[in-house]
Amino acid sequence: MIINQLLPIALFTAIPSFKAGDLIQLVGISGEAIALELRDILENLLAGILILLPAPA
């Protein structure tokens, strides 16, 4: 995840033609990727909690 934050900064300093719009686009794509990863993690966490709950008799 750190590379998602450092990559736009590195591109901005290494490539002078790198525009602010490109930076915003990279941040948006990174945010979407992180959101999709968190969705799977939270889904698995909820499934684990539901498995641990006692079943009704």
PDB file of N, CA and C in Angstrom:
ATOM      1  N   MET A   1       0.812  -1.192   0.000  1.00  0.00           N
ATOM      2  CA  MET A   1       0.000   0.000   0.000  1.00  0.00           C
ATOM      3  C   MET A   1       0.855   1.255   0.000  1.00  0.00           C
ATOM      4  N   ILE A   2       2.012   1.168   0.618  1.00  0.00           N
ATOM      5  CA  ILE A   2       2.885   2.342   0.656  1.00  0.00           C
ATOM      6  C   ILE A   2       3.334   2.713  -0.746  1.00  0.00           C
ATOM      7  N   ILE A   3       3.533   1.695  -1.586  1.00  0.00           N
ATOM      8  CA  ILE A   3       3.981   1.989  -2.948  1.00  0.00           C
ATOM      9  C   ILE A   3       2.893   2.746  -3.712  1.00  0.00           C
ATOM     10  N   ASN A   4       1.627   2.522  -3.378  1.00  0.00           N
ATOM     11  CA  ASN A   4       0.554   3.279  -4.015  1.00  0.00           C
ATOM     12  C   ASN A   4       0.633   4.756  -3.670  1.00  0.00           C
ATOM     13  N   GLN A   5       1.157   5.077  -2.515  1.00  0.00           N
ATOM     14  CA  GLN A   5       1.266   6.477  -2.113  1.00  0.00           C
ATOM     15  C   GLN A   5       2.557   7.106  -2.605  1.00  0.00           C
ATOM     16  N   LEU A   6       3.626   6.320  -2.680  1.00  0.00           N
ATOM     17  CA  LEU A   6       4.915   6.871  -3.087  1.00  0.00           C
ATOM     18  C   LEU A   6       5.080   6.949  -4.599  1.00  0.00           C
ATOM     19  N   LEU A   7       4.394   6.099  -5.337  1.00  0.00           N
ATOM     20  CA  LEU A   7       4.533   6.081  -6.787  1.00  0.00           C
ATOM     21  C   LEU A   7       4.153   7.406  -7.433  1.00  0.00           C
ATOM     22  N   PRO A   8       3.029   8.024  -7.098  1.00  0.00           N
ATOM     23  CA  PRO A   8       2.717   9.316  -7.725  1.00  0.00           C
ATOM     24  C   PRO A   8       3.747  10.396  -7.397  1.00  0.00           C
ATOM     25  N   ILE A   9       4.264  10.392  -6.189  1.00  0.00           N
ATOM     26  CA  ILE A   9       5.263  11.395  -5.809  1.00  0.00           C
ATOM     27  C   ILE A   9       6.545  11.184  -6.594  1.00  0.00           C
ATOM     28  N   ALA A  10       6.943   9.917  -6.737  1.00  0.00           N
ATOM     29  CA  ALA A  10       8.149   9.613  -7.502  1.00  0.00           C
ATOM     30  C   ALA A  10       7.975   9.988  -8.966  1.00  0.00           C
ATOM     31  N   LEU A  11       6.805   9.709  -9.523  1.00  0.00           N
ATOM     32  CA  LEU A  11       6.557  10.077 -10.918  1.00  0.00           C
ATOM     33  C   LEU A  11       6.553  11.587 -11.105  1.00  0.00           C
ATOM     34  N   PHE A  12       6.004  12.286 -10.146  1.00  0.00           N
ATOM     35  CA  PHE A  12       5.926  13.744 -10.242  1.00  0.00           C
ATOM     36  C   PHE A  12       7.317  14.382 -10.230  1.00  0.00           C
ATOM     37  N   THR A  13       8.220  13.816  -9.446  1.00  0.00           N
ATOM     38  CA  THR A  13       9.571  14.382  -9.381  1.00  0.00           C
ATOM     39  C   THR A  13      10.452  13.882 -10.522  1.00  0.00           C
ATOM     40  N   ALA A  14      10.239  12.647 -10.980  1.00  0.00           N
ATOM     41  CA  ALA A  14      11.095  12.081 -12.024  1.00  0.00           C
ATOM     42  C   ALA A  14      10.692  12.534 -13.422  1.00  0.00           C
ATOM     43  N   ILE A  15       9.412  12.733 -13.655  1.00  0.00           N
ATOM     44  CA  ILE A  15       8.921  13.110 -14.986  1.00  0.00           C
ATOM     45  C   ILE A  15       8.311  14.505 -14.892  1.00  0.00           C
ATOM     46  N   PRO A  16       8.972  15.503 -15.442  1.00  0.00           N
ATOM     47  CA  PRO A  16       8.457  16.877 -15.342  1.00  0.00           C
ATOM     48  C   PRO A  16       7.127  17.078 -16.067  1.00  0.00           C
ATOM     49  N   SER A  17       6.817  16.264 -17.076  1.00  0.00           N
ATOM     50  CA  SER A  17       5.563  16.434 -17.806  1.00  0.00           C
ATOM     51  C   SER A  17       4.376  15.776 -17.097  1.00  0.00           C
ATOM     52  N   PHE A  18       4.631  15.213 -15.939  1.00  0.00           N
ATOM     53  CA  PHE A  18       3.575  14.580 -15.148  1.00  0.00           C
ATOM     54  C   PHE A  18       2.656  15.665 -14.626  1.00  0.00           C
ATOM     55  N   LYS A  19       1.348  15.572 -14.923  1.00  0.00           N
ATOM     56  CA  LYS A  19       0.382  16.624 -14.571  1.00  0.00           C
ATOM     57  C   LYS A  19      -0.361  16.291 -13.277  1.00  0.00           C
ATOM     58  N   ALA A  20      -0.976  17.296 -12.710  1.00  0.00           N
ATOM     59  CA  ALA A  20      -1.746  17.099 -11.477  1.00  0.00           C
ATOM     60  C   ALA A  20      -2.942  16.194 -11.738  1.00  0.00           C
ATOM     61  N   GLY A  21      -3.525  16.266 -12.927  1.00  0.00           N
ATOM     62  CA  GLY A  21      -4.649  15.390 -13.264  1.00  0.00           C
ATOM     63  C   GLY A  21      -4.249  13.929 -13.252  1.00  0.00           C
ATOM     64  N   ASP A  22      -3.028  13.660 -13.702  1.00  0.00           N
ATOM     65  CA  ASP A  22      -2.530  12.279 -13.659  1.00  0.00           C
ATOM     66  C   ASP A  22      -2.372  11.808 -12.216  1.00  0.00           C
ATOM     67  N   LEU A  23      -1.921  12.700 -11.361  1.00  0.00           N
ATOM     68  CA  LEU A  23      -1.763  12.374  -9.943  1.00  0.00           C
ATOM     69  C   LEU A  23      -3.115  12.046  -9.313  1.00  0.00           C
ATOM     70  N   ILE A  24      -4.112  12.858  -9.628  1.00  0.00           N
ATOM     71  CA  ILE A  24      -5.458  12.621  -9.079  1.00  0.00           C
ATOM     72  C   ILE A  24      -6.011  11.291  -9.577  1.00  0.00           C
ATOM     73  N   GLN A  25      -5.746  10.976 -10.835  1.00  0.00           N
ATOM     74  CA  GLN A  25      -6.208   9.714 -11.395  1.00  0.00           C
ATOM     75  C   GLN A  25      -5.539   8.530 -10.704  1.00  0.00           C
ATOM     76  N   LEU A  26      -4.246   8.624 -10.446  1.00  0.00           N
ATOM     77  CA  LEU A  26      -3.543   7.538  -9.764  1.00  0.00           C
ATOM     78  C   LEU A  26      -4.055   7.350  -8.338  1.00  0.00           C
ATOM     79  N   VAL A  27      -4.345   8.461  -7.658  1.00  0.00           N
ATOM     80  CA  VAL A  27      -4.863   8.368  -6.294  1.00  0.00           C
ATOM     81  C   VAL A  27      -6.236   7.714  -6.299  1.00  0.00           C
ATOM     82  N   GLY A  28      -7.069   8.050  -7.289  1.00  0.00           N
ATOM     83  CA  GLY A  28      -8.395   7.442  -7.390  1.00  0.00           C
ATOM     84  C   GLY A  28      -8.326   5.951  -7.651  1.00  0.00           C
ATOM     85  N   ILE A  29      -7.434   5.557  -8.546  1.00  0.00           N
ATOM     86  CA  ILE A  29      -7.271   4.132  -8.849  1.00  0.00           C
ATOM     87  C   ILE A  29      -6.745   3.392  -7.626  1.00  0.00           C
ATOM     88  N   SER A  30      -5.797   3.997  -6.911  1.00  0.00           N
ATOM     89  CA  SER A  30      -5.257   3.369  -5.702  1.00  0.00           C
ATOM     90  C   SER A  30      -6.343   3.215  -4.642  1.00  0.00           C
ATOM     91  N   GLY A  31      -7.165   4.236  -4.491  1.00  0.00           N
ATOM     92  CA  GLY A  31      -8.253   4.174  -3.513  1.00  0.00           C
ATOM     93  C   GLY A  31      -9.250   3.081  -3.828  1.00  0.00           C
ATOM     94  N   GLU A  32      -9.529   2.918  -5.111  1.00  0.00           N
ATOM     95  CA  GLU A  32     -10.460   1.860  -5.509  1.00  0.00           C
ATOM     96  C   GLU A  32      -9.869   0.481  -5.236  1.00  0.00           C
ATOM     97  N   ALA A  33      -8.588   0.312  -5.502  1.00  0.00           N
ATOM     98  CA  ALA A  33      -7.932  -0.975  -5.242  1.00  0.00           C
ATOM     99  C   ALA A  33      -7.935  -1.295  -3.752  1.00  0.00           C
ATOM    100  N   ILE A  34      -7.666  -0.297  -2.925  1.00  0.00           N
ATOM    101  CA  ILE A  34      -7.671  -0.506  -1.470  1.00  0.00           C
ATOM    102  C   ILE A  34      -9.075  -0.851  -0.983  1.00  0.00           C
ATOM    103  N   ALA A  35     -10.088  -0.181  -1.538  1.00  0.00           N
ATOM    104  CA  ALA A  35     -11.468  -0.460  -1.139  1.00  0.00           C
ATOM    105  C   ALA A  35     -11.866  -1.888  -1.489  1.00  0.00           C
ATOM    106  N   LEU A  36     -11.462  -2.357  -2.665  1.00  0.00           N
ATOM    107  CA  LEU A  36     -11.788  -3.726  -3.052  1.00  0.00           C
ATOM    108  C   LEU A  36     -11.085  -4.746  -2.153  1.00  0.00           C
ATOM    109  N   GLU A  37      -9.846  -4.443  -1.758  1.00  0.00           N
ATOM    110  CA  GLU A  37      -9.135  -5.339  -0.849  1.00  0.00           C
ATOM    111  C   GLU A  37      -9.802  -5.366   0.524  1.00  0.00           C
ATOM    112  N   LEU A  38     -10.195  -4.209   1.026  1.00  0.00           N
ATOM    113  CA  LEU A  38     -10.836  -4.152   2.342  1.00  0.00           C
ATOM    114  C   LEU A  38     -12.177  -4.863   2.335  1.00  0.00           C
ATOM    115  N   ARG A  39     -12.867  -4.832   1.197  1.00  0.00           N
ATOM    116  CA  ARG A  39     -14.154  -5.521   1.107  1.00  0.00           C
ATOM    117  C   ARG A  39     -13.981  -7.014   1.355  1.00  0.00           C
ATOM    118  N   ASP A  40     -12.978  -7.606   0.734  1.00  0.00           N
ATOM    119  CA  ASP A  40     -12.730  -9.038   0.925  1.00  0.00           C
ATOM    120  C   ASP A  40     -12.320  -9.344   2.364  1.00  0.00           C
ATOM    121  N   ILE A  41     -11.484  -8.487   2.932  1.00  0.00           N
ATOM    122  CA  ILE A  41     -11.033  -8.704   4.307  1.00  0.00           C
ATOM    123  C   ILE A  41     -12.214  -8.633   5.277  1.00  0.00           C
ATOM    124  N   LEU A  42     -13.065  -7.626   5.137  1.00  0.00           N
ATOM    125  CA  LEU A  42     -14.215  -7.489   6.034  1.00  0.00           C
ATOM    126  C   LEU A  42     -15.225  -8.608   5.819  1.00  0.00           C
ATOM    127  N   GLU A  43     -15.354  -9.065   4.573  1.00  0.00           N
ATOM    128  CA  GLU A  43     -16.259 -10.173   4.289  1.00  0.00           C
ATOM    129  C   GLU A  43     -15.792 -11.447   4.992  1.00  0.00           C
ATOM    130  N   ASN A  44     -14.494 -11.710   4.950  1.00  0.00           N
ATOM    131  CA  ASN A  44     -13.943 -12.890   5.619  1.00  0.00           C
ATOM    132  C   ASN A  44     -14.042 -12.764   7.137  1.00  0.00           C
ATOM    133  N   LEU A  45     -13.835 -11.568   7.650  1.00  0.00           N
ATOM    134  CA  LEU A  45     -13.950 -11.342   9.092  1.00  0.00           C
ATOM    135  C   LEU A  45     -15.376 -11.618   9.567  1.00  0.00           C
ATOM    136  N   LEU A  46     -16.358 -11.108   8.829  1.00  0.00           N
ATOM    137  CA  LEU A  46     -17.754 -11.330   9.203  1.00  0.00           C
ATOM    138  C   LEU A  46     -18.113 -12.810   9.110  1.00  0.00           C
ATOM    139  N   ALA A  47     -17.611 -13.497   8.089  1.00  0.00           N
ATOM    140  CA  ALA A  47     -17.879 -14.936   7.964  1.00  0.00           C
ATOM    141  C   ALA A  47     -17.278 -15.696   9.146  1.00  0.00           C
ATOM    142  N   GLY A  48     -16.077 -15.315   9.575  1.00  0.00           N
ATOM    143  CA  GLY A  48     -15.458 -15.955  10.735  1.00  0.00           C
ATOM    144  C   GLY A  48     -16.252 -15.741  12.013  1.00  0.00           C
ATOM    145  N   ILE A  49     -16.752 -14.532  12.190  1.00  0.00           N
ATOM    146  CA  ILE A  49     -17.563 -14.238  13.385  1.00  0.00           C
ATOM    147  C   ILE A  49     -18.844 -15.050  13.358  1.00  0.00           C
ATOM    148  N   LEU A  50     -19.464 -15.142  12.189  1.00  0.00           N
ATOM    149  CA  LEU A  50     -20.712 -15.911  12.099  1.00  0.00           C
ATOM    150  C   LEU A  50     -20.487 -17.392  12.346  1.00  0.00           C
ATOM    151  N   ILE A  51     -19.335 -17.905  11.962  1.00  0.00           N
ATOM    152  CA  ILE A  51     -19.026 -19.317  12.224  1.00  0.00           C
ATOM    153  C   ILE A  51     -18.861 -19.551  13.727  1.00  0.00           C
ATOM    154  N   LEU A  52     -18.279 -18.581  14.435  1.00  0.00           N
ATOM    155  CA  LEU A  52     -18.045 -18.750  15.864  1.00  0.00           C
ATOM    156  C   LEU A  52     -19.307 -18.616  16.703  1.00  0.00           C
ATOM    157  N   LEU A  53     -20.318 -17.971  16.176  1.00  0.00           N
ATOM    158  CA  LEU A  53     -21.576 -17.821  16.935  1.00  0.00           C
ATOM    159  C   LEU A  53     -22.250 -19.185  17.076  1.00  0.00           C
ATOM    160  N   PRO A  54     -22.804 -19.431  18.235  1.00  0.00           N
ATOM    161  CA  PRO A  54     -23.472 -20.736  18.425  1.00  0.00           C
ATOM    162  C   PRO A  54     -24.741 -20.833  17.571  1.00  0.00           C
ATOM    163  N   ALA A  55     -24.950 -22.000  17.002  1.00  0.00           N
ATOM    164  CA  ALA A  55     -26.136 -22.223  16.191  1.00  0.00           C
ATOM    165  C   ALA A  55     -27.331 -22.455  17.101  1.00  0.00           C
ATOM    166  N   PRO A  56     -28.514 -22.019  16.665  1.00  0.00           N
ATOM    167  CA  PRO A  56     -29.705 -22.259  17.508  1.00  0.00           C
ATOM    168  C   PRO A  56     -30.039 -23.752  17.560  1.00  0.00           C
ATOM    169  N   ALA A  57     -30.483 -24.205  18.712  1.00  0.00           N
ATOM    170  CA  ALA A  57     -30.761 -25.649  18.894  1.00  0.00           C
ATOM    171  C   ALA A  57     -32.135 -26.004  18.441  1.00  0.00           C
TER     172      ALA A  57
END
